Amino acid sequence: MENGKILALWSTPRSTSTAFEWAMSNRGDMLCFHEPYNEAYYHGEDRRNDRYFADDPAPVGKSGLSMSSVHRKLQDLSASRVVFIKDFAYSVMHMADDRFLDAFVHTFLIRDPEKVITSMYSKWPDIELDELGFEDMHTLFRRVADRQGHPPPVIDSDELLDNPQIGMEAYCRAVGIPFRPESLNWNSDREESTGNNPTWNPDAEGFHDRLKTSSGLSKQPRNYPSMESSEEMLRLYRASIPHYRALFSNRLHFGSGA
C-alpha cells in the first residue's frame, strides 16, 4: 500500500462494514477509526445533517469537531502509521475534490439494497435516500476509477460472508497488505477486553447488538419485515438498485457468484 495514504472502506449502512472494521482492527498493525467523517457529518460544528439535533437545531456541535479537523488528524497520523477508516461516502462528497481523493487508498463494500433497506428501516423508519448512500458511493467509485485509470477494489458483503478468508485474502492482495487469518475471529467480549467501542454514538438503536456477541466475520440471522410491506422501502430500493448493480459488476471475483 502506498505510504502516507489513508486506507478507506466506503460502505452503506448495514453492510457488514463494522464487522469488517473489527477484522482490520484485529490485525494489530494499523490504527482503525469508526466513521470519523460521519461523526462530523452528524455531530460536528459544521454538521450537514440535523438528525441528532431535531429537538434543538441550534448550529452547535461537539467542540472542535469538524470535517477539516477530522481530515487533518487522519492525514497527520497516516504520515507515520497505517491508518484504516470505515465510513460512508455521503459524509464526504461535499469536500471530495481531487486533493481530498488523493489522500486515500479507496475501497468499497456493498450489499444488496433489499437487505440494507429492510435492516435500516427497522432502526430508522425515517431514513432518507441520501443516508443510504448508494448513489454517492457509486459517484465516488466512478471518480476514483477515472482519476486512477482503473476501478478500485469492491467487495460484496454476501460473498464475503460466504467466504470470509478468501474474501479478505482478495481484499488484502488488492490493497497490498499481508493477509492475517487470525483477524477473522475475536472473543465475544472483545469490546470490554480491548476498550474498543465499535461506534462513536451511544448506539441507542442497537445497530451493533449482534456484532457485540459475535465471534468472527460470519453471517448473522435476519428477521425483518419484507420490503413489499412498505411503499417507502420500495421507493428507496428502486432508487438504490441501479447503483448497487453497477458497483456489483466491478466487484472482486472470489465468491460463489463469480
C-alpha atoms as a PDB file:
ATOM      1  CA  MET A   1       0.000   0.000   0.000  1.00  0.00           C
ATOM      2  CA  GLU A   2       1.243   3.484  -0.813  1.00  0.00           C
ATOM      3  CA  ASN A   3       2.919   5.137   2.163  1.00  0.00           C
ATOM      4  CA  GLY A   4       1.187   8.101   3.763  1.00  0.00           C
ATOM      5  CA  LYS A   5      -2.269   7.337   2.417  1.00  0.00           C
ATOM      6  CA  ILE A   6      -5.363   6.516   4.453  1.00  0.00           C
ATOM      7  CA  LEU A   7      -6.907   3.125   3.685  1.00  0.00           C
ATOM      8  CA  ALA A   8     -10.645   3.831   3.387  1.00  0.00           C
ATOM      9  CA  LEU A   9     -13.519   1.374   3.234  1.00  0.00           C
ATOM     10  CA  TRP A  10     -16.560   3.240   1.892  1.00  0.00           C
ATOM     11  CA  SER A  11     -19.829   1.422   2.503  1.00  0.00           C
ATOM     12  CA  THR A  12     -23.541   1.833   3.051  1.00  0.00           C
ATOM     13  CA  PRO A  13     -25.152   1.309   6.459  1.00  0.00           C
ATOM     14  CA  ARG A  14     -25.966  -2.286   7.443  1.00  0.00           C
ATOM     15  CA  SER A  15     -23.384  -3.784   5.095  1.00  0.00           C
ATOM     16  CA  THR A  16     -21.226  -5.821   7.498  1.00  0.00           C
ATOM     17  CA  SER A  17     -18.879  -2.846   7.463  1.00  0.00           C
ATOM     18  CA  THR A  18     -18.334  -2.633  11.222  1.00  0.00           C
ATOM     19  CA  ALA A  19     -17.530  -6.358  11.353  1.00  0.00           C
ATOM     20  CA  PHE A  20     -15.033  -5.726   8.543  1.00  0.00           C
ATOM     21  CA  GLU A  21     -13.614  -2.876  10.604  1.00  0.00           C
ATOM     22  CA  TRP A  22     -13.256  -5.188  13.598  1.00  0.00           C
ATOM     23  CA  ALA A  23     -11.323  -7.647  11.445  1.00  0.00           C
ATOM     24  CA  MET A  24      -8.978  -4.876  10.349  1.00  0.00           C
ATOM     25  CA  SER A  25      -8.558  -3.705  13.949  1.00  0.00           C
ATOM     26  CA  ASN A  26      -7.834  -7.310  14.953  1.00  0.00           C
ATOM     27  CA  ARG A  27      -4.729  -7.295  12.744  1.00  0.00           C
ATOM     28  CA  GLY A  28      -2.879  -5.159  15.273  1.00  0.00           C
ATOM     29  CA  ASP A  29      -0.739  -3.383  12.678  1.00  0.00           C
ATOM     30  CA  MET A  30      -2.851  -0.303  11.915  1.00  0.00           C
ATOM     31  CA  LEU A  31      -4.869   2.443  13.536  1.00  0.00           C
ATOM     32  CA  CYS A  32      -8.580   1.954  12.826  1.00  0.00           C
ATOM     33  CA  PHE A  33     -11.278   4.598  13.021  1.00  0.00           C
ATOM     34  CA  HIS A  34     -15.027   4.072  13.001  1.00  0.00           C
ATOM     35  CA  GLU A  35     -16.897   6.569  10.778  1.00  0.00           C
ATOM     36  CA  PRO A  36     -14.796   9.626  11.667  1.00  0.00           C
ATOM     37  CA  TYR A  37     -16.253  11.817   8.901  1.00  0.00           C
ATOM     38  CA  ASN A  38     -19.771  10.585   9.611  1.00  0.00           C
ATOM     39  CA  GLU A  39     -19.416  11.701  13.212  1.00  0.00           C
ATOM     40  CA  ALA A  40     -18.630  15.209  11.989  1.00  0.00           C
ATOM     41  CA  TYR A  41     -21.424  14.965   9.406  1.00  0.00           C
ATOM     42  CA  TYR A  42     -23.963  14.472  12.205  1.00  0.00           C
ATOM     43  CA  HIS A  43     -22.271  15.987  15.283  1.00  0.00           C
ATOM     44  CA  GLY A  44     -19.595  18.430  14.153  1.00  0.00           C
ATOM     45  CA  GLU A  45     -19.606  22.183  14.490  1.00  0.00           C
ATOM     46  CA  ASP A  46     -20.136  22.280  10.726  1.00  0.00           C
ATOM     47  CA  ARG A  47     -22.514  19.311  10.630  1.00  0.00           C
ATOM     48  CA  ARG A  48     -24.522  18.742   7.476  1.00  0.00           C
ATOM     49  CA  ASN A  49     -27.453  16.809   8.960  1.00  0.00           C
ATOM     50  CA  ASP A  50     -29.630  17.648  11.980  1.00  0.00           C
ATOM     51  CA  ARG A  51     -30.870  14.113  12.692  1.00  0.00           C
ATOM     52  CA  TYR A  52     -29.380  14.126  16.194  1.00  0.00           C
ATOM     53  CA  PHE A  53     -30.337  17.767  16.766  1.00  0.00           C
ATOM     54  CA  ALA A  54     -34.001  17.530  15.737  1.00  0.00           C
ATOM     55  CA  ASP A  55     -35.204  18.847  19.097  1.00  0.00           C
ATOM     56  CA  ASP A  56     -32.617  21.607  19.240  1.00  0.00           C
ATOM     57  CA  PRO A  57     -31.493  22.713  15.774  1.00  0.00           C
ATOM     58  CA  ALA A  58     -29.143  25.430  17.029  1.00  0.00           C
ATOM     59  CA  PRO A  59     -25.916  25.379  14.943  1.00  0.00           C
ATOM     60  CA  VAL A  60     -23.669  23.864  17.601  1.00  0.00           C
ATOM     61  CA  GLY A  61     -21.969  20.505  17.822  1.00  0.00           C
ATOM     62  CA  LYS A  62     -19.073  18.819  19.553  1.00  0.00           C
ATOM     63  CA  SER A  63     -16.470  21.428  20.344  1.00  0.00           C
ATOM     64  CA  GLY A  64     -13.503  21.256  17.978  1.00  0.00           C
ATOM     65  CA  LEU A  65     -15.078  18.563  15.803  1.00  0.00           C
ATOM     66  CA  SER A  66     -15.327  19.452  12.127  1.00  0.00           C
ATOM     67  CA  MET A  67     -14.779  17.871   8.752  1.00  0.00           C
ATOM     68  CA  SER A  68     -11.451  19.654   8.392  1.00  0.00           C
ATOM     69  CA  SER A  69     -10.249  18.681  11.886  1.00  0.00           C
ATOM     70  CA  VAL A  70     -11.062  15.023  11.214  1.00  0.00           C
ATOM     71  CA  HIS A  71      -9.267  15.063   7.873  1.00  0.00           C
ATOM     72  CA  ARG A  72      -6.235  16.841   9.288  1.00  0.00           C
ATOM     73  CA  LYS A  73      -5.944  14.361  12.162  1.00  0.00           C
ATOM     74  CA  LEU A  74      -6.131  11.331   9.871  1.00  0.00           C
ATOM     75  CA  GLN A  75      -3.574  12.773   7.468  1.00  0.00           C
ATOM     76  CA  ASP A  76      -1.177  13.590  10.302  1.00  0.00           C
ATOM     77  CA  LEU A  77      -1.450  10.052  11.702  1.00  0.00           C
ATOM     78  CA  SER A  78      -1.051   8.416   8.298  1.00  0.00           C
ATOM     79  CA  ALA A  79       2.338  10.065   7.861  1.00  0.00           C
ATOM     80  CA  SER A  80       3.847   7.578  10.319  1.00  0.00           C
ATOM     81  CA  ARG A  81       1.278   4.773  10.731  1.00  0.00           C
ATOM     82  CA  VAL A  82      -1.042   2.718   8.556  1.00  0.00           C
ATOM     83  CA  VAL A  83      -4.489   4.239   9.111  1.00  0.00           C
ATOM     84  CA  PHE A  84      -7.757   2.484   8.231  1.00  0.00           C
ATOM     85  CA  ILE A  85     -11.188   4.090   8.298  1.00  0.00           C
ATOM     86  CA  LYS A  86     -14.656   2.721   7.708  1.00  0.00           C
ATOM     87  CA  ASP A  87     -17.093   5.423   6.650  1.00  0.00           C
ATOM     88  CA  PHE A  88     -19.921   6.413   4.310  1.00  0.00           C
ATOM     89  CA  ALA A  89     -19.333   8.220   1.027  1.00  0.00           C
ATOM     90  CA  TYR A  90     -22.278  10.539   1.613  1.00  0.00           C
ATOM     91  CA  SER A  91     -20.400  12.038   4.572  1.00  0.00           C
ATOM     92  CA  VAL A  92     -17.593  13.417   2.391  1.00  0.00           C
ATOM     93  CA  MET A  93     -18.968  14.106  -1.082  1.00  0.00           C
ATOM     94  CA  HIS A  94     -19.248  17.845  -0.416  1.00  0.00           C
ATOM     95  CA  MET A  95     -15.470  18.018   0.116  1.00  0.00           C
ATOM     96  CA  ALA A  96     -14.282  15.312  -2.279  1.00  0.00           C
ATOM     97  CA  ASP A  97     -12.128  17.341  -4.649  1.00  0.00           C
ATOM     98  CA  ASP A  98      -9.030  15.847  -6.269  1.00  0.00           C
ATOM     99  CA  ARG A  99      -6.767  16.810  -3.372  1.00  0.00           C
ATOM    100  CA  PHE A 100      -9.080  15.069  -0.914  1.00  0.00           C
ATOM    101  CA  LEU A 101      -9.369  11.956  -3.081  1.00  0.00           C
ATOM    102  CA  ASP A 102      -5.603  11.684  -3.378  1.00  0.00           C
ATOM    103  CA  ALA A 103      -5.252  11.301   0.400  1.00  0.00           C
ATOM    104  CA  PHE A 104      -6.755   7.778   0.293  1.00  0.00           C
ATOM    105  CA  VAL A 105      -6.472   4.275  -0.973  1.00  0.00           C
ATOM    106  CA  HIS A 106     -10.162   3.843  -1.791  1.00  0.00           C
ATOM    107  CA  THR A 107     -12.016   0.548  -1.360  1.00  0.00           C
ATOM    108  CA  PHE A 108     -15.735  -0.230  -1.304  1.00  0.00           C
ATOM    109  CA  LEU A 109     -18.040  -2.658   0.491  1.00  0.00           C
ATOM    110  CA  ILE A 110     -21.511  -3.149  -0.995  1.00  0.00           C
ATOM    111  CA  ARG A 111     -24.628  -5.102  -0.079  1.00  0.00           C
ATOM    112  CA  ASP A 112     -27.934  -5.900  -1.745  1.00  0.00           C
ATOM    113  CA  PRO A 113     -30.156  -2.826  -1.162  1.00  0.00           C
ATOM    114  CA  GLU A 114     -33.069  -5.010  -0.083  1.00  0.00           C
ATOM    115  CA  LYS A 115     -31.040  -6.249   2.896  1.00  0.00           C
ATOM    116  CA  VAL A 116     -29.683  -2.796   3.665  1.00  0.00           C
ATOM    117  CA  ILE A 117     -33.075  -1.105   3.486  1.00  0.00           C
ATOM    118  CA  THR A 118     -35.112  -3.631   5.480  1.00  0.00           C
ATOM    119  CA  SER A 119     -32.466  -3.648   8.211  1.00  0.00           C
ATOM    120  CA  MET A 120     -32.017   0.116   8.288  1.00  0.00           C
ATOM    121  CA  TYR A 121     -35.736   0.821   8.111  1.00  0.00           C
ATOM    122  CA  SER A 122     -36.270  -1.241  11.257  1.00  0.00           C
ATOM    123  CA  LYS A 123     -33.964   1.188  13.094  1.00  0.00           C
ATOM    124  CA  TRP A 124     -34.642   4.467  11.304  1.00  0.00           C
ATOM    125  CA  PRO A 125     -38.107   4.381   9.669  1.00  0.00           C
ATOM    126  CA  ASP A 126     -37.465   7.990   8.642  1.00  0.00           C
ATOM    127  CA  ILE A 127     -34.256   7.081   6.787  1.00  0.00           C
ATOM    128  CA  GLU A 128     -33.582   9.401   3.849  1.00  0.00           C
ATOM    129  CA  LEU A 129     -32.312   8.201   0.490  1.00  0.00           C
ATOM    130  CA  ASP A 130     -29.134  10.246   0.927  1.00  0.00           C
ATOM    131  CA  GLU A 131     -28.395   8.428   4.200  1.00  0.00           C
ATOM    132  CA  LEU A 132     -28.487   5.061   2.442  1.00  0.00           C
ATOM    133  CA  GLY A 133     -25.761   6.429   0.241  1.00  0.00           C
ATOM    134  CA  PHE A 134     -25.772   4.113  -2.776  1.00  0.00           C
ATOM    135  CA  GLU A 135     -25.702   6.946  -5.307  1.00  0.00           C
ATOM    136  CA  ASP A 136     -22.908   8.831  -3.560  1.00  0.00           C
ATOM    137  CA  MET A 137     -20.877   5.642  -3.211  1.00  0.00           C
ATOM    138  CA  HIS A 138     -21.310   4.923  -6.935  1.00  0.00           C
ATOM    139  CA  THR A 139     -20.361   8.519  -7.777  1.00  0.00           C
ATOM    140  CA  LEU A 140     -17.255   8.295  -5.613  1.00  0.00           C
ATOM    141  CA  PHE A 141     -16.328   4.965  -7.193  1.00  0.00           C
ATOM    142  CA  ARG A 142     -16.559   6.441 -10.706  1.00  0.00           C
ATOM    143  CA  ARG A 143     -14.487   9.478  -9.779  1.00  0.00           C
ATOM    144  CA  VAL A 144     -11.765   7.362  -8.209  1.00  0.00           C
ATOM    145  CA  ALA A 145     -11.733   4.965 -11.174  1.00  0.00           C
ATOM    146  CA  ASP A 146     -11.457   7.846 -13.638  1.00  0.00           C
ATOM    147  CA  ARG A 147      -8.708   9.524 -11.622  1.00  0.00           C
ATOM    148  CA  GLN A 148      -6.515   6.458 -11.162  1.00  0.00           C
ATOM    149  CA  GLY A 149      -7.290   4.835 -14.528  1.00  0.00           C
ATOM    150  CA  HIS A 150      -8.671   1.569 -13.136  1.00  0.00           C
ATOM    151  CA  PRO A 151     -11.509   0.585 -10.794  1.00  0.00           C
ATOM    152  CA  PRO A 152     -10.772   0.491  -7.065  1.00  0.00           C
ATOM    153  CA  PRO A 153     -11.490  -2.743  -5.149  1.00  0.00           C
ATOM    154  CA  VAL A 154     -15.150  -3.561  -4.460  1.00  0.00           C
ATOM    155  CA  ILE A 155     -16.226  -6.344  -2.081  1.00  0.00           C
ATOM    156  CA  ASP A 156     -19.774  -7.690  -1.960  1.00  0.00           C
ATOM    157  CA  SER A 157     -20.916  -8.334   1.620  1.00  0.00           C
ATOM    158  CA  ASP A 158     -22.814 -11.551   0.903  1.00  0.00           C
ATOM    159  CA  GLU A 159     -19.899 -13.045  -0.998  1.00  0.00           C
ATOM    160  CA  LEU A 160     -17.524 -12.003   1.785  1.00  0.00           C
ATOM    161  CA  LEU A 161     -19.664 -13.722   4.424  1.00  0.00           C
ATOM    162  CA  ASP A 162     -19.898 -16.859   2.271  1.00  0.00           C
ATOM    163  CA  ASN A 163     -16.088 -16.987   2.063  1.00  0.00           C
ATOM    164  CA  PRO A 164     -14.551 -14.764   4.772  1.00  0.00           C
ATOM    165  CA  GLN A 165     -10.999 -15.990   4.403  1.00  0.00           C
ATOM    166  CA  ILE A 166     -10.965 -15.992   0.605  1.00  0.00           C
ATOM    167  CA  GLY A 167     -12.667 -12.600   0.517  1.00  0.00           C
ATOM    168  CA  MET A 168     -10.316 -10.989   2.989  1.00  0.00           C
ATOM    169  CA  GLU A 169      -7.324 -12.502   1.224  1.00  0.00           C
ATOM    170  CA  ALA A 170      -8.571 -10.932  -2.030  1.00  0.00           C
ATOM    171  CA  TYR A 171      -9.037  -7.574  -0.331  1.00  0.00           C
ATOM    172  CA  CYS A 172      -5.590  -7.584   1.246  1.00  0.00           C
ATOM    173  CA  ARG A 173      -3.988  -8.586  -2.033  1.00  0.00           C
ATOM    174  CA  ALA A 174      -5.821  -5.784  -3.854  1.00  0.00           C
ATOM    175  CA  VAL A 175      -4.575  -3.088  -1.468  1.00  0.00           C
ATOM    176  CA  GLY A 176      -1.089  -4.516  -0.968  1.00  0.00           C
ATOM    177  CA  ILE A 177      -1.132  -5.564   2.681  1.00  0.00           C
ATOM    178  CA  PRO A 178      -0.435  -9.036   4.109  1.00  0.00           C
ATOM    179  CA  PHE A 179      -3.413 -11.238   4.957  1.00  0.00           C
ATOM    180  CA  ARG A 180      -3.662 -12.237   8.610  1.00  0.00           C
ATOM    181  CA  PRO A 181      -6.109 -15.130   9.115  1.00  0.00           C
ATOM    182  CA  GLU A 182      -6.284 -14.546  12.869  1.00  0.00           C
ATOM    183  CA  SER A 183      -8.007 -11.226  12.173  1.00  0.00           C
ATOM    184  CA  LEU A 184     -11.228 -13.001  11.195  1.00  0.00           C
ATOM    185  CA  ASN A 185     -12.070 -14.228  14.693  1.00  0.00           C
ATOM    186  CA  TRP A 186     -12.444 -12.487  18.042  1.00  0.00           C
ATOM    187  CA  ASN A 187     -13.802 -13.043  21.536  1.00  0.00           C
ATOM    188  CA  SER A 188     -17.441 -12.182  22.145  1.00  0.00           C
ATOM    189  CA  ASP A 189     -16.292  -9.874  24.973  1.00  0.00           C
ATOM    190  CA  ARG A 190     -13.935  -8.021  22.608  1.00  0.00           C
ATOM    191  CA  GLU A 191     -15.358  -4.600  23.411  1.00  0.00           C
ATOM    192  CA  GLU A 192     -14.846  -4.940  27.141  1.00  0.00           C
ATOM    193  CA  SER A 193     -11.472  -6.645  26.922  1.00  0.00           C
ATOM    194  CA  THR A 194      -9.941  -4.136  24.498  1.00  0.00           C
ATOM    195  CA  GLY A 195     -11.820  -0.978  25.371  1.00  0.00           C
ATOM    196  CA  ASN A 196     -12.534  -0.587  21.664  1.00  0.00           C
ATOM    197  CA  ASN A 197     -16.058   0.757  21.381  1.00  0.00           C
ATOM    198  CA  PRO A 198     -17.377  -0.165  17.913  1.00  0.00           C
ATOM    199  CA  THR A 199     -19.268   3.074  17.413  1.00  0.00           C
ATOM    200  CA  TRP A 200     -18.880   6.783  18.095  1.00  0.00           C
ATOM    201  CA  ASN A 201     -22.518   7.255  19.151  1.00  0.00           C
ATOM    202  CA  PRO A 202     -24.452   5.671  22.055  1.00  0.00           C
ATOM    203  CA  ASP A 203     -25.934   3.143  19.601  1.00  0.00           C
ATOM    204  CA  ALA A 204     -29.320   3.503  21.270  1.00  0.00           C
ATOM    205  CA  GLU A 205     -30.907   1.860  18.228  1.00  0.00           C
ATOM    206  CA  GLY A 206     -28.893  -1.317  18.792  1.00  0.00           C
ATOM    207  CA  PHE A 207     -27.098  -1.268  15.446  1.00  0.00           C
ATOM    208  CA  HIS A 208     -24.269  -3.471  16.721  1.00  0.00           C
ATOM    209  CA  ASP A 209     -26.025  -5.734  19.229  1.00  0.00           C
ATOM    210  CA  ARG A 210     -25.388  -8.887  17.190  1.00  0.00           C
ATOM    211  CA  LEU A 211     -21.837  -7.923  16.374  1.00  0.00           C
ATOM    212  CA  LYS A 212     -21.041  -7.390  20.053  1.00  0.00           C
ATOM    213  CA  THR A 213     -21.901 -11.018  20.802  1.00  0.00           C
ATOM    214  CA  SER A 214     -20.292 -12.456  17.665  1.00  0.00           C
ATOM    215  CA  SER A 215     -17.018 -14.351  17.475  1.00  0.00           C
ATOM    216  CA  GLY A 216     -15.912 -13.528  13.963  1.00  0.00           C
ATOM    217  CA  LEU A 217     -16.711 -12.410  10.465  1.00  0.00           C
ATOM    218  CA  SER A 218     -19.778 -14.534   9.745  1.00  0.00           C
ATOM    219  CA  LYS A 219     -23.415 -14.410   8.674  1.00  0.00           C
ATOM    220  CA  GLN A 220     -25.946 -13.237  11.243  1.00  0.00           C
ATOM    221  CA  PRO A 221     -29.633 -14.217  11.474  1.00  0.00           C
ATOM    222  CA  ARG A 222     -32.107 -11.861   9.792  1.00  0.00           C
ATOM    223  CA  ASN A 223     -35.684 -11.189  10.871  1.00  0.00           C
ATOM    224  CA  TYR A 224     -37.026  -8.043   9.233  1.00  0.00           C
ATOM    225  CA  PRO A 225     -40.335  -7.056   7.607  1.00  0.00           C
ATOM    226  CA  SER A 226     -40.458  -7.659   3.871  1.00  0.00           C
ATOM    227  CA  MET A 227     -39.728  -4.706   1.652  1.00  0.00           C
ATOM    228  CA  GLU A 228     -43.123  -5.139  -0.018  1.00  0.00           C
ATOM    229  CA  SER A 229     -44.774  -4.167   3.274  1.00  0.00           C
ATOM    230  CA  SER A 230     -43.811  -0.526   2.752  1.00  0.00           C
ATOM    231  CA  GLU A 231     -44.133   1.681  -0.309  1.00  0.00           C
ATOM    232  CA  GLU A 232     -41.387   3.869   1.122  1.00  0.00           C
ATOM    233  CA  MET A 233     -38.967   0.946   1.300  1.00  0.00           C
ATOM    234  CA  LEU A 234     -39.833   0.066  -2.290  1.00  0.00           C
ATOM    235  CA  ARG A 235     -39.139   3.659  -3.342  1.00  0.00           C
ATOM    236  CA  LEU A 236     -35.753   3.577  -1.647  1.00  0.00           C
ATOM    237  CA  TYR A 237     -34.979   0.243  -3.282  1.00  0.00           C
ATOM    238  CA  ARG A 238     -35.875   1.397  -6.788  1.00  0.00           C
ATOM    239  CA  ALA A 239     -33.619   4.431  -6.409  1.00  0.00           C
ATOM    240  CA  SER A 240     -30.715   2.404  -4.992  1.00  0.00           C
ATOM    241  CA  ILE A 241     -30.619  -0.795  -7.048  1.00  0.00           C
ATOM    242  CA  PRO A 242     -29.071   0.662 -10.255  1.00  0.00           C
ATOM    243  CA  HIS A 243     -26.093   1.986  -8.281  1.00  0.00           C
ATOM    244  CA  TYR A 244     -25.643  -1.314  -6.451  1.00  0.00           C
ATOM    245  CA  ARG A 245     -25.740  -3.277  -9.710  1.00  0.00           C
ATOM    246  CA  ALA A 246     -23.130  -1.017 -11.295  1.00  0.00           C
ATOM    247  CA  LEU A 247     -20.805  -1.479  -8.324  1.00  0.00           C
ATOM    248  CA  PHE A 248     -21.509  -5.219  -8.181  1.00  0.00           C
ATOM    249  CA  SER A 249     -20.384  -5.580 -11.793  1.00  0.00           C
ATOM    250  CA  ASN A 250     -16.976  -4.230 -10.718  1.00  0.00           C
ATOM    251  CA  ARG A 251     -16.535  -6.357  -7.592  1.00  0.00           C
ATOM    252  CA  LEU A 252     -13.549  -8.554  -6.853  1.00  0.00           C
ATOM    253  CA  HIS A 253     -14.377 -12.059  -8.102  1.00  0.00           C
ATOM    254  CA  PHE A 254     -13.855 -14.594  -5.344  1.00  0.00           C
ATOM    255  CA  GLY A 255     -17.361 -15.596  -4.199  1.00  0.00           C
ATOM    256  CA  SER A 256     -19.893 -18.177  -5.247  1.00  0.00           C
ATOM    257  CA  GLY A 257     -21.366 -15.719  -7.735  1.00  0.00           C
ATOM    258  CA  ALA A 258     -18.040 -15.199  -9.517  1.00  0.00           C
END
